[in-house]
Full PDB file with SEQRES, HELIX, SHEET, SSBOND, CRYST1, ORIGX, SCALE, CONECT and MASTER records, all heavy atoms in Angstrom:
SEQRES   1 A   42  ALA ALA PRO HIS VAL THR ALA THR VAL ALA LEU LEU GLN          
SEQRES   2 A   42  GLU TYR GLY ASP ARG GLN LEU SER GLU GLN GLN PRO GLY          
SEQRES   3 A   42  TRP SER LEU ASP ALA ARG ARG HIS GLU VAL MET LYS ALA          
SEQRES   4 A   42  VAL LEU LEU                                                  
HELIX    1 AA1 ALA A    2  SER A   21  1                                  20    
HELIX    2 AA2 LEU A   29  ARG A   32  5                                   4    
HELIX    3 AA3 HIS A   34  LEU A   41  1                                   8    
CRYST1    1.000    1.000    1.000  90.00  90.00  90.00 P 1           1          
ORIGX1      1.000000  0.000000  0.000000        0.00000                         
ORIGX2      0.000000  1.000000  0.000000        0.00000                         
ORIGX3      0.000000  0.000000  1.000000        0.00000                         
SCALE1      1.000000  0.000000  0.000000        0.00000                         
SCALE2      0.000000  1.000000  0.000000        0.00000                         
SCALE3      0.000000  0.000000  1.000000        0.00000                         
ATOM      1  N   ALA A   1     -44.983  57.306-113.127  1.00  0.00           N  
ATOM      2  CA  ALA A   1     -45.990  57.839-114.046  1.00  0.00           C  
ATOM      3  C   ALA A   1     -45.804  57.240-115.428  1.00  0.00           C  
ATOM      4  O   ALA A   1     -46.767  56.809-116.081  1.00  0.00           O  
ATOM      5  CB  ALA A   1     -45.904  59.360-114.102  1.00  0.00           C  
ATOM      6  N   ALA A   2     -44.552  57.198-115.921  1.00  0.00           N  
ATOM      7  CA  ALA A   2     -44.280  56.699-117.274  1.00  0.00           C  
ATOM      8  C   ALA A   2     -44.825  55.294-117.516  1.00  0.00           C  
ATOM      9  O   ALA A   2     -45.427  55.051-118.571  1.00  0.00           O  
ATOM     10  CB  ALA A   2     -42.780  56.759-117.557  1.00  0.00           C  
ATOM     11  N   PRO A   3     -44.653  54.327-116.595  1.00  0.00           N  
ATOM     12  CA  PRO A   3     -45.165  52.987-116.888  1.00  0.00           C  
ATOM     13  C   PRO A   3     -46.684  52.909-116.996  1.00  0.00           C  
ATOM     14  O   PRO A   3     -47.205  51.962-117.602  1.00  0.00           O  
ATOM     15  CB  PRO A   3     -44.632  52.140-115.730  1.00  0.00           C  
ATOM     16  CG  PRO A   3     -44.250  53.095-114.660  1.00  0.00           C  
ATOM     17  CD  PRO A   3     -43.823  54.344-115.363  1.00  0.00           C  
ATOM     18  N   HIS A   4     -47.418  53.867-116.433  1.00  0.00           N  
ATOM     19  CA  HIS A   4     -48.865  53.912-116.683  1.00  0.00           C  
ATOM     20  C   HIS A   4     -49.123  54.080-118.180  1.00  0.00           C  
ATOM     21  O   HIS A   4     -50.045  53.474-118.736  1.00  0.00           O  
ATOM     22  CB  HIS A   4     -49.506  55.076-115.921  1.00  0.00           C  
ATOM     23  CG  HIS A   4     -49.700  54.837-114.451  1.00  0.00           C  
ATOM     24  ND1 HIS A   4     -48.685  55.000-113.536  1.00  0.00           N  
ATOM     25  CD2 HIS A   4     -50.795  54.466-113.734  1.00  0.00           C  
ATOM     26  CE1 HIS A   4     -49.150  54.735-112.312  1.00  0.00           C  
ATOM     27  NE2 HIS A   4     -50.426  54.401-112.413  1.00  0.00           N  
ATOM     28  N   VAL A   5     -48.306  54.921-118.827  1.00  0.00           N  
ATOM     29  CA  VAL A   5     -48.471  55.178-120.256  1.00  0.00           C  
ATOM     30  C   VAL A   5     -48.019  53.967-121.069  1.00  0.00           C  
ATOM     31  O   VAL A   5     -48.712  53.517-121.984  1.00  0.00           O  
ATOM     32  CB  VAL A   5     -47.687  56.434-120.673  1.00  0.00           C  
ATOM     33  CG1 VAL A   5     -47.837  56.697-122.167  1.00  0.00           C  
ATOM     34  CG2 VAL A   5     -48.165  57.652-119.874  1.00  0.00           C  
ATOM     35  N   THR A   6     -46.847  53.414-120.726  1.00  0.00           N  
ATOM     36  CA  THR A   6     -46.315  52.267-121.453  1.00  0.00           C  
ATOM     37  C   THR A   6     -47.293  51.102-121.441  1.00  0.00           C  
ATOM     38  O   THR A   6     -47.550  50.472-122.483  1.00  0.00           O  
ATOM     39  CB  THR A   6     -44.981  51.824-120.832  1.00  0.00           C  
ATOM     40  OG1 THR A   6     -44.086  52.936-120.779  1.00  0.00           O  
ATOM     41  CG2 THR A   6     -44.341  50.706-121.628  1.00  0.00           C  
ATOM     42  N   ALA A   7     -47.854  50.817-120.292  1.00  0.00           N  
ATOM     43  CA  ALA A   7     -48.774  49.683-120.182  1.00  0.00           C  
ATOM     44  C   ALA A   7     -50.114  49.963-120.842  1.00  0.00           C  
ATOM     45  O   ALA A   7     -50.780  49.028-121.320  1.00  0.00           O  
ATOM     46  CB  ALA A   7     -48.973  49.322-118.706  1.00  0.00           C  
ATOM     47  N   THR A   8     -50.525  51.217-120.898  1.00  0.00           N  
ATOM     48  CA  THR A   8     -51.756  51.554-121.613  1.00  0.00           C  
ATOM     49  C   THR A   8     -51.618  51.202-123.090  1.00  0.00           C  
ATOM     50  O   THR A   8     -52.588  50.787-123.738  1.00  0.00           O  
ATOM     51  CB  THR A   8     -52.097  53.040-121.434  1.00  0.00           C  
ATOM     52  OG1 THR A   8     -52.402  53.283-120.048  1.00  0.00           O  
ATOM     53  CG2 THR A   8     -53.307  53.441-122.265  1.00  0.00           C  
ATOM     54  N   VAL A   9     -50.421  51.361-123.642  1.00  0.00           N  
ATOM     55  CA  VAL A   9     -50.183  50.950-125.026  1.00  0.00           C  
ATOM     56  C   VAL A   9     -50.517  49.470-125.202  1.00  0.00           C  
ATOM     57  O   VAL A   9     -51.107  49.073-126.221  1.00  0.00           O  
ATOM     58  CB  VAL A   9     -48.724  51.233-125.434  1.00  0.00           C  
ATOM     59  CG1 VAL A   9     -48.409  50.616-126.799  1.00  0.00           C  
ATOM     60  CG2 VAL A   9     -48.458  52.729-125.469  1.00  0.00           C  
ATOM     61  N   ALA A  10     -50.183  48.637-124.213  1.00  0.00           N  
ATOM     62  CA  ALA A  10     -50.486  47.207-124.301  1.00  0.00           C  
ATOM     63  C   ALA A  10     -51.985  46.962-124.362  1.00  0.00           C  
ATOM     64  O   ALA A  10     -52.461  46.106-125.123  1.00  0.00           O  
ATOM     65  CB  ALA A  10     -49.865  46.464-123.120  1.00  0.00           C  
ATOM     66  N   LEU A  11     -52.763  47.710-123.573  1.00  0.00           N  
ATOM     67  CA  LEU A  11     -54.219  47.554-123.612  1.00  0.00           C  
ATOM     68  C   LEU A  11     -54.759  47.927-124.988  1.00  0.00           C  
ATOM     69  O   LEU A  11     -55.590  47.207-125.569  1.00  0.00           O  
ATOM     70  CB  LEU A  11     -54.871  48.440-122.551  1.00  0.00           C  
ATOM     71  CG  LEU A  11     -54.474  48.210-121.095  1.00  0.00           C  
ATOM     72  CD1 LEU A  11     -55.255  49.155-120.183  1.00  0.00           C  
ATOM     73  CD2 LEU A  11     -54.707  46.761-120.678  1.00  0.00           C  
ATOM     74  N   LEU A  12     -54.309  49.048-125.516  1.00  0.00           N  
ATOM     75  CA  LEU A  12     -54.788  49.497-126.817  1.00  0.00           C  
ATOM     76  C   LEU A  12     -54.374  48.541-127.925  1.00  0.00           C  
ATOM     77  O   LEU A  12     -55.153  48.255-128.847  1.00  0.00           O  
ATOM     78  CB  LEU A  12     -54.260  50.899-127.111  1.00  0.00           C  
ATOM     79  CG  LEU A  12     -54.668  52.009-126.135  1.00  0.00           C  
ATOM     80  CD1 LEU A  12     -54.051  53.333-126.552  1.00  0.00           C  
ATOM     81  CD2 LEU A  12     -56.181  52.140-126.038  1.00  0.00           C  
ATOM     82  N   GLN A  13     -53.141  48.041-127.839  1.00  0.00           N  
ATOM     83  CA  GLN A  13     -52.662  47.149-128.883  1.00  0.00           C  
ATOM     84  C   GLN A  13     -53.360  45.791-128.840  1.00  0.00           C  
ATOM     85  O   GLN A  13     -53.551  45.160-129.885  1.00  0.00           O  
ATOM     86  CB  GLN A  13     -51.154  47.001-128.780  1.00  0.00           C  
ATOM     87  CG  GLN A  13     -50.388  48.224-129.236  1.00  0.00           C  
ATOM     88  CD  GLN A  13     -50.578  48.488-130.711  1.00  0.00           C  
ATOM     89  OE1 GLN A  13     -50.145  47.715-131.563  1.00  0.00           O  
ATOM     90  NE2 GLN A  13     -51.247  49.586-131.045  1.00  0.00           N  
ATOM     91  N   GLU A  14     -53.752  45.337-127.660  1.00  0.00           N  
ATOM     92  CA  GLU A  14     -54.560  44.113-127.604  1.00  0.00           C  
ATOM     93  C   GLU A  14     -55.873  44.332-128.340  1.00  0.00           C  
ATOM     94  O   GLU A  14     -56.320  43.474-129.112  1.00  0.00           O  
ATOM     95  CB  GLU A  14     -54.833  43.699-126.156  1.00  0.00           C  
ATOM     96  CG  GLU A  14     -55.660  42.415-126.080  1.00  0.00           C  
ATOM     97  CD  GLU A  14     -56.119  42.053-124.677  1.00  0.00           C  
ATOM     98  OE1 GLU A  14     -55.843  42.803-123.725  1.00  0.00           O  
ATOM     99  OE2 GLU A  14     -56.766  40.994-124.538  1.00  0.00           O  
ATOM    100  N   TYR A  15     -56.486  45.493-128.120  1.00  0.00           N  
ATOM    101  CA  TYR A  15     -57.738  45.801-128.817  1.00  0.00           C  
ATOM    102  C   TYR A  15     -57.506  45.892-130.328  1.00  0.00           C  
ATOM    103  O   TYR A  15     -58.277  45.331-131.115  1.00  0.00           O  
ATOM    104  CB  TYR A  15     -58.312  47.120-128.306  1.00  0.00           C  
ATOM    105  CG  TYR A  15     -59.518  47.574-129.093  1.00  0.00           C  
ATOM    106  CD1 TYR A  15     -60.754  46.962-128.923  1.00  0.00           C  
ATOM    107  CD2 TYR A  15     -59.418  48.613-130.017  1.00  0.00           C  
ATOM    108  CE1 TYR A  15     -61.856  47.367-129.649  1.00  0.00           C  
ATOM    109  CE2 TYR A  15     -60.511  49.025-130.750  1.00  0.00           C  
ATOM    110  CZ  TYR A  15     -61.727  48.399-130.569  1.00  0.00           C  
ATOM    111  OH  TYR A  15     -62.813  48.797-131.308  1.00  0.00           O  
ATOM    112  N   GLY A  16     -56.431  46.588-130.729  1.00  0.00           N  
ATOM    113  CA  GLY A  16     -56.146  46.711-132.146  1.00  0.00           C  
ATOM    114  C   GLY A  16     -55.901  45.372-132.811  1.00  0.00           C  
ATOM    115  O   GLY A  16     -56.406  45.107-133.913  1.00  0.00           O  
ATOM    116  N   ASP A  17     -55.134  44.503-132.157  1.00  0.00           N  
ATOM    117  CA  ASP A  17     -54.884  43.179-132.728  1.00  0.00           C  
ATOM    118  C   ASP A  17     -56.168  42.354-132.807  1.00  0.00           C  
ATOM    119  O   ASP A  17     -56.343  41.543-133.730  1.00  0.00           O  
ATOM    120  CB  ASP A  17     -53.833  42.439-131.889  1.00  0.00           C  
ATOM    121  CG  ASP A  17     -52.421  42.898-132.207  1.00  0.00           C  
ATOM    122  OD1 ASP A  17     -52.259  43.852-132.998  1.00  0.00           O  
ATOM    123  OD2 ASP A  17     -51.467  42.325-131.640  1.00  0.00           O  
ATOM    124  N   ARG A  18     -57.056  42.570-131.849  1.00  0.00           N  
ATOM    125  CA  ARG A  18     -58.344  41.871-131.890  1.00  0.00           C  
ATOM    126  C   ARG A  18     -59.145  42.323-133.112  1.00  0.00           C  
ATOM    127  O   ARG A  18     -59.738  41.496-133.820  1.00  0.00           O  
ATOM    128  CB  ARG A  18     -59.132  42.166-130.610  1.00  0.00           C  
ATOM    129  CG  ARG A  18     -60.453  41.437-130.486  1.00  0.00           C  
ATOM    130  CD  ARG A  18     -61.197  41.913-129.254  1.00  0.00           C  
ATOM    131  NE  ARG A  18     -60.459  41.657-128.018  1.00  0.00           N  
ATOM    132  CZ  ARG A  18     -60.826  42.137-126.833  1.00  0.00           C  
ATOM    133  NH1 ARG A  18     -61.910  42.915-126.728  1.00  0.00           N  
ATOM    134  NH2 ARG A  18     -60.104  41.860-125.763  1.00  0.00           N  
ATOM    135  N   GLN A  19     -59.138  43.621-133.378  1.00  0.00           N  
ATOM    136  CA  GLN A  19     -59.846  44.136-134.546  1.00  0.00           C  
ATOM    137  C   GLN A  19     -59.237  43.594-135.834  1.00  0.00           C  
ATOM    138  O   GLN A  19     -59.951  43.268-136.787  1.00  0.00           O  
ATOM    139  CB  GLN A  19     -59.803  45.670-134.549  1.00  0.00           C  
ATOM    140  CG  GLN A  19     -60.501  46.332-133.369  1.00  0.00           C  
ATOM    141  CD  GLN A  19     -61.989  46.069-133.356  1.00  0.00           C  
ATOM    142  OE1 GLN A  19     -62.454  45.117-132.710  1.00  0.00           O  
ATOM    143  NE2 GLN A  19     -62.744  46.892-134.065  1.00  0.00           N  
ATOM    144  N   LEU A  20     -57.921  43.501-135.872  1.00  0.00           N  
ATOM    145  CA  LEU A  20     -57.246  42.983-137.062  1.00  0.00           C  
ATOM    146  C   LEU A  20     -57.568  41.506-137.281  1.00  0.00           C  
ATOM    147  O   LEU A  20     -57.810  41.072-138.417  1.00  0.00           O  
ATOM    148  CB  LEU A  20     -55.739  43.178-136.929  1.00  0.00           C  
ATOM    149  CG  LEU A  20     -55.237  44.623-137.009  1.00  0.00           C  
ATOM    150  CD1 LEU A  20     -53.761  44.693-136.626  1.00  0.00           C  
ATOM    151  CD2 LEU A  20     -55.433  45.193-138.412  1.00  0.00           C  
ATOM    152  N   SER A  21     -57.558  40.728-136.202  1.00  0.00           N  
ATOM    153  CA  SER A  21     -57.820  39.294-136.342  1.00  0.00           C  
ATOM    154  C   SER A  21     -59.243  39.028-136.795  1.00  0.00           C  
ATOM    155  O   SER A  21     -59.514  38.033-137.482  1.00  0.00           O  
ATOM    156  CB  SER A  21     -57.547  38.570-135.016  1.00  0.00           C  
ATOM    157  OG  SER A  21     -58.480  38.957-134.021  1.00  0.00           O  
ATOM    158  N   GLU A  22     -60.161  39.935-136.447  1.00  0.00           N  
ATOM    159  CA  GLU A  22     -61.561  39.799-136.858  1.00  0.00           C  
ATOM    160  C   GLU A  22     -61.830  40.482-138.191  1.00  0.00           C  
ATOM    161  O   GLU A  22     -62.974  40.505-138.656  1.00  0.00           O  
ATOM    162  CB  GLU A  22     -62.477  40.386-135.774  1.00  0.00           C  
ATOM    163  CG  GLU A  22     -62.420  39.623-134.453  1.00  0.00           C  
ATOM    164  CD  GLU A  22     -63.199  40.319-133.352  1.00  0.00           C  
ATOM    165  OE1 GLU A  22     -63.739  41.427-133.602  1.00  0.00           O  
ATOM    166  OE2 GLU A  22     -63.288  39.758-132.243  1.00  0.00           O  
ATOM    167  N   GLN A  23     -60.767  41.053-138.775  1.00  0.00           N  
ATOM    168  CA  GLN A  23     -60.858  41.725-140.080  1.00  0.00           C  
ATOM    169  C   GLN A  23     -61.958  42.780-140.094  1.00  0.00           C  
ATOM    170  O   GLN A  23     -62.743  42.884-141.044  1.00  0.00           O  
ATOM    171  CB  GLN A  23     -61.070  40.693-141.195  1.00  0.00           C  
ATOM    172  CG  GLN A  23     -59.929  39.699-141.311  1.00  0.00           C  
ATOM    173  CD  GLN A  23     -60.107  38.732-142.469  1.00  0.00           C  
ATOM    174  OE1 GLN A  23     -61.226  38.402-142.862  1.00  0.00           O  
ATOM    175  NE2 GLN A  23     -59.005  38.264-143.033  1.00  0.00           N  
ATOM    176  N   GLN A  24     -61.977  43.566-139.035  1.00  0.00           N  
ATOM    177  CA  GLN A  24     -62.959  44.631-138.940  1.00  0.00           C  
ATOM    178  C   GLN A  24     -62.648  45.726-139.961  1.00  0.00           C  
ATOM    179  O   GLN A  24     -61.487  46.050-140.201  1.00  0.00           O  
ATOM    180  CB  GLN A  24     -62.962  45.225-137.533  1.00  0.00           C  
ATOM    181  CG  GLN A  24     -63.423  44.276-136.451  1.00  0.00           C  
ATOM    182  CD  GLN A  24     -64.904  43.981-136.531  1.00  0.00           C  
ATOM    183  OE1 GLN A  24     -65.667  44.712-137.153  1.00  0.00           O  
ATOM    184  NE2 GLN A  24     -65.327  42.891-135.901  1.00  0.00           N  
ATOM    185  N   PRO A  25     -63.664  46.315-140.579  1.00  0.00           N  
ATOM    186  CA  PRO A  25     -63.414  47.417-141.526  1.00  0.00           C  
ATOM    187  C   PRO A  25     -62.823  48.617-140.799  1.00  0.00           C  
ATOM    188  O   PRO A  25     -63.139  48.875-139.639  1.00  0.00           O  
ATOM    189  CB  PRO A  25     -64.811  47.722-142.084  1.00  0.00           C  
ATOM    190  CG  PRO A  25     -65.773  47.180-141.061  1.00  0.00           C  
ATOM    191  CD  PRO A  25     -65.102  45.998-140.452  1.00  0.00           C  
ATOM    192  N   GLY A  26     -61.950  49.339-141.497  1.00  0.00           N  
ATOM    193  CA  GLY A  26     -61.325  50.505-140.898  1.00  0.00           C  
ATOM    194  C   GLY A  26     -60.105  50.179-140.066  1.00  0.00           C  
ATOM    195  O   GLY A  26     -59.608  51.032-139.333  1.00  0.00           O  
ATOM    196  N   TRP A  27     -59.596  48.931-140.187  1.00  0.00           N  
ATOM    197  CA  TRP A  27     -58.423  48.533-139.406  1.00  0.00           C  
ATOM    198  C   TRP A  27     -57.392  47.912-140.323  1.00  0.00           C  
ATOM    199  O   TRP A  27     -57.706  47.034-141.141  1.00  0.00           O  
ATOM    200  CB  TRP A  27     -58.811  47.560-138.291  1.00  0.00           C  
ATOM    201  CG  TRP A  27     -59.578  48.258-137.224  1.00  0.00           C  
ATOM    202  CD1 TRP A  27     -60.919  48.501-137.201  1.00  0.00           C  
ATOM    203  CD2 TRP A  27     -59.043  48.889-136.070  1.00  0.00           C  
ATOM    204  NE1 TRP A  27     -61.258  49.228-136.092  1.00  0.00           N  
ATOM    205  CE2 TRP A  27     -60.116  49.486-135.371  1.00  0.00           C  
ATOM    206  CE3 TRP A  27     -57.760  48.998-135.552  1.00  0.00           C  
ATOM    207  CZ2 TRP A  27     -59.943  50.184-134.182  1.00  0.00           C  
ATOM    208  CZ3 TRP A  27     -57.578  49.692-134.355  1.00  0.00           C  
ATOM    209  CH2 TRP A  27     -58.665  50.278-133.687  1.00  0.00           C  
ATOM    210  N   SER A  28     -56.153  48.372-140.190  1.00  0.00           N  
ATOM    211  CA  SER A  28     -55.035  47.834-140.948  1.00  0.00           C  
ATOM    212  C   SER A  28     -53.837  47.722-140.020  1.00  0.00           C  
ATOM    213  O   SER A  28     -53.910  48.118-138.844  1.00  0.00           O  
ATOM    214  CB  SER A  28     -54.699  48.748-142.132  1.00  0.00           C  
ATOM    215  OG  SER A  28     -54.053  49.932-141.674  1.00  0.00           O  
ATOM    216  N   LEU A  29     -52.716  47.236-140.525  1.00  0.00           N  
ATOM    217  CA  LEU A  29     -51.509  47.134-139.708  1.00  0.00           C  
ATOM    218  C   LEU A  29     -50.991  48.492-139.275  1.00  0.00           C  
ATOM    219  O   LEU A  29     -50.119  48.580-138.396  1.00  0.00           O  
ATOM    220  CB  LEU A  29     -50.421  46.378-140.468  1.00  0.00           C  
ATOM    221  CG  LEU A  29     -50.673  44.870-140.651  1.00  0.00           C  
ATOM    222  CD1 LEU A  29     -49.564  44.253-141.502  1.00  0.00           C  
ATOM    223  CD2 LEU A  29     -50.764  44.171-139.306  1.00  0.00           C  
ATOM    224  N   ASP A  30     -51.528  49.569-139.848  1.00  0.00           N  
ATOM    225  CA  ASP A  30     -51.172  50.908-139.373  1.00  0.00           C  
ATOM    226  C   ASP A  30     -51.530  51.092-137.908  1.00  0.00           C  
ATOM    227  O   ASP A  30     -50.952  51.946-137.221  1.00  0.00           O  
ATOM    228  CB  ASP A  30     -51.881  51.981-140.203  1.00  0.00           C  
ATOM    229  CG  ASP A  30     -51.362  52.062-141.623  1.00  0.00           C  
ATOM    230  OD1 ASP A  30     -50.236  51.593-141.878  1.00  0.00           O  
ATOM    231  OD2 ASP A  30     -52.085  52.598-142.489  1.00  0.00           O  
ATOM    232  N   ALA A  31     -52.479  50.306-137.395  1.00  0.00           N  
ATOM    233  CA  ALA A  31     -52.870  50.394-135.984  1.00  0.00           C  
ATOM    234  C   ALA A  31     -51.709  50.054-135.059  1.00  0.00           C  
ATOM    235  O   ALA A  31     -51.727  50.419-133.879  1.00  0.00           O  
ATOM    236  CB  ALA A  31     -54.047  49.460-135.706  1.00  0.00           C  
ATOM    237  N   ARG A  32     -50.693  49.371-135.577  1.00  0.00           N  
ATOM    238  CA  ARG A  32     -49.535  49.012-134.755  1.00  0.00           C  
ATOM    239  C   ARG A  32     -48.429  50.063-134.819  1.00  0.00           C  
ATOM    240  O   ARG A  32     -47.414  49.918-134.125  1.00  0.00           O  
ATOM    241  CB  ARG A  32     -48.974  47.664-135.215  1.00  0.00           C  
ATOM    242  CG  ARG A  32     -49.925  46.501-134.975  1.00  0.00           C  
ATOM    243  CD  ARG A  32     -49.330  45.197-135.473  1.00  0.00           C  
ATOM    244  NE  ARG A  32     -50.220  44.068-135.195  1.00  0.00           N  
ATOM    245  CZ  ARG A  32     -50.009  42.830-135.637  1.00  0.00           C  
ATOM    246  NH1 ARG A  32     -48.927  42.568-136.369  1.00  0.00           N  
ATOM    247  NH2 ARG A  32     -50.856  41.864-135.355  1.00  0.00           N  
ATOM    248  N   ARG A  33     -48.605  51.093-135.589  1.00  0.00           N  
ATOM    249  CA  ARG A  33     -47.572  52.122-135.706  1.00  0.00           C  
ATOM    250  C   ARG A  33     -47.434  52.904-134.400  1.00  0.00           C  
ATOM    251  O   ARG A  33     -48.433  53.296-133.777  1.00  0.00           O  
ATOM    252  CB  ARG A  33     -47.899  53.087-136.830  1.00  0.00           C  
ATOM    253  CG  ARG A  33     -47.860  52.513-138.225  1.00  0.00           C  
ATOM    254  CD  ARG A  33     -46.496  52.018-138.618  1.00  0.00           C  
ATOM    255  NE  ARG A  33     -45.427  52.995-138.375  1.00  0.00           N  
ATOM    256  CZ  ARG A  33     -44.138  52.768-138.627  1.00  0.00           C  
ATOM    257  NH1 ARG A  33     -43.756  51.591-139.100  1.00  0.00           N  
ATOM    258  NH2 ARG A  33     -43.229  53.701-138.383  1.00  0.00           N  
ATOM    259  N   HIS A  34     -46.178  53.141-134.007  1.00  0.00           N  
ATOM    260  CA  HIS A  34     -45.943  53.887-132.772  1.00  0.00           C  
ATOM    261  C   HIS A  34     -46.429  55.332-132.894  1.00  0.00           C  
ATOM    262  O   HIS A  34     -46.859  55.932-131.903  1.00  0.00           O  
ATOM    263  CB  HIS A  34     -44.456  53.853-132.406  1.00  0.00           C  
ATOM    264  CG  HIS A  34     -43.574  54.561-133.377  1.00  0.00           C  
ATOM    265  ND1 HIS A  34     -43.130  53.998-134.552  1.00  0.00           N  
ATOM    266  CD2 HIS A  34     -43.054  55.813-133.354  1.00  0.00           C  
ATOM    267  CE1 HIS A  34     -42.371  54.858-135.204  1.00  0.00           C  
ATOM    268  NE2 HIS A  34     -42.305  55.966-134.497  1.00  0.00           N  
ATOM    269  N   GLU A  35     -46.390  55.898-134.105  1.00  0.00           N  
ATOM    270  CA  GLU A  35     -46.891  57.260-134.276  1.00  0.00           C  
ATOM    271  C   GLU A  35     -48.398  57.329-134.002  1.00  0.00           C  
ATOM    272  O   GLU A  35     -48.886  58.317-133.449  1.00  0.00           O  
ATOM    273  CB  GLU A  35     -46.621  57.767-135.700  1.00  0.00           C  
ATOM    274  CG  GLU A  35     -45.153  57.825-136.091  1.00  0.00           C  
ATOM    275  CD  GLU A  35     -44.740  56.618-136.914  1.00  0.00           C  
ATOM    276  OE1 GLU A  35     -45.231  55.504-136.626  1.00  0.00           O  
ATOM    277  OE2 GLU A  35     -43.922  56.784-137.841  1.00  0.00           O  
ATOM    278  N   VAL A  36     -49.123  56.275-134.389  1.00  0.00           N  
ATOM    279  CA  VAL A  36     -50.566  56.234-134.124  1.00  0.00           C  
ATOM    280  C   VAL A  36     -50.823  56.191-132.626  1.00  0.00           C  
ATOM    281  O   VAL A  36     -51.684  56.911-132.100  1.00  0.00           O  
ATOM    282  CB  VAL A  36     -51.217  55.041-134.836  1.00  0.00           C  
ATOM    283  CG1 VAL A  36     -52.664  54.848-134.381  1.00  0.00           C  
ATOM    284  CG2 VAL A  36     -51.158  55.225-136.346  1.00  0.00           C  
ATOM    285  N   MET A  37     -50.063  55.347-131.914  1.00  0.00           N  
ATOM    286  CA  MET A  37     -50.232  55.284-130.469  1.00  0.00           C  
ATOM    287  C   MET A  37     -49.959  56.639-129.824  1.00  0.00           C  
ATOM    288  O   MET A  37     -50.689  57.088-128.930  1.00  0.00           O  
ATOM    289  CB  MET A  37     -49.292  54.230-129.869  1.00  0.00           C  
ATOM    290  CG  MET A  37     -49.728  52.800-130.065  1.00  0.00           C  
ATOM    291  SD  MET A  37     -51.229  52.365-129.120  1.00  0.00           S  
ATOM    292  CE  MET A  37     -52.517  52.739-130.315  1.00  0.00           C  
ATOM    293  N   LYS A  38     -48.917  57.296-130.265  1.00  0.00           N  
ATOM    294  CA  LYS A  38     -48.574  58.597-129.694  1.00  0.00           C  
ATOM    295  C   LYS A  38     -49.682  59.612-129.944  1.00  0.00           C  
ATOM    296  O   LYS A  38     -50.097  60.334-129.024  1.00  0.00           O  
ATOM    297  CB  LYS A  38     -47.251  59.081-130.292  1.00  0.00           C  
ATOM    298  CG  LYS A  38     -46.738  60.396-129.718  1.00  0.00           C  
ATOM    299  CD  LYS A  38     -45.371  60.727-130.309  1.00  0.00           C  
ATOM    300  CE  LYS A  38     -44.854  62.076-129.823  1.00  0.00           C  
ATOM    301  NZ  LYS A  38     -43.519  62.397-130.392  1.00  0.00           N  
ATOM    302  N   ALA A  39     -50.187  59.670-131.171  1.00  0.00           N  
ATOM    303  CA  ALA A  39     -51.257  60.622-131.498  1.00  0.00           C  
ATOM    304  C   ALA A  39     -52.520  60.327-130.706  1.00  0.00           C  
ATOM    305  O   ALA A  39     -53.192  61.240-130.207  1.00  0.00           O  
ATOM    306  CB  ALA A  39     -51.541  60.590-132.999  1.00  0.00           C  
ATOM    307  N   VAL A  40     -52.867  59.043-130.578  1.00  0.00           N  
ATOM    308  CA  VAL A  40     -54.066  58.650-129.835  1.00  0.00           C  
ATOM    309  C   VAL A  40     -53.952  59.032-128.363  1.00  0.00           C  
ATOM    310  O   VAL A  40     -54.898  59.586-127.767  1.00  0.00           O  
ATOM    311  CB  VAL A  40     -54.300  57.132-130.001  1.00  0.00           C  
ATOM    312  CG1 VAL A  40     -55.256  56.598-128.939  1.00  0.00           C  
ATOM    313  CG2 VAL A  40     -54.832  56.831-131.395  1.00  0.00           C  
ATOM    314  N   LEU A  41     -52.815  58.754-127.750  1.00  0.00           N  
ATOM    315  CA  LEU A  41     -52.627  59.075-126.334  1.00  0.00           C  
ATOM    316  C   LEU A  41     -52.656  60.581-126.097  1.00  0.00           C  
ATOM    317  O   LEU A  41     -53.267  61.062-125.127  1.00  0.00           O  
ATOM    318  CB  LEU A  41     -51.308  58.482-125.842  1.00  0.00           C  
ATOM    319  CG  LEU A  41     -51.242  56.954-125.781  1.00  0.00           C  
ATOM    320  CD1 LEU A  41     -49.804  56.490-125.605  1.00  0.00           C  
ATOM    321  CD2 LEU A  41     -52.123  56.411-124.666  1.00  0.00           C  
ATOM    322  N   LEU A  42     -51.989  61.328-126.957  1.00  0.00           N  
ATOM    323  CA  LEU A  42     -51.969  62.785-126.801  1.00  0.00           C  
ATOM    324  C   LEU A  42     -53.354  63.379-126.986  1.00  0.00           C  
ATOM    325  O   LEU A  42     -53.774  64.272-126.240  1.00  0.00           O  
ATOM    326  CB  LEU A  42     -51.004  63.408-127.806  1.00  0.00           C  
ATOM    327  CG  LEU A  42     -49.510  63.153-127.611  1.00  0.00           C  
ATOM    328  CD1 LEU A  42     -48.729  63.705-128.793  1.00  0.00           C  
ATOM    329  CD2 LEU A  42     -49.011  63.776-126.308  1.00  0.00           C  
TER     330      LEU A  42                                                      
MASTER        0    0    0    3    0    0    0    6  329    1    0    4          
END                                                                             
């Protein structure tokens, strides 16, 4: 069960890095914070 969660972080972080590379508004390096991932998943 745990690796389903771990790998989901990779999917979300790919999306976040894509938003950062495109300099989308509302996105900063805070998107890479582990606390953000935890809050989003919960």
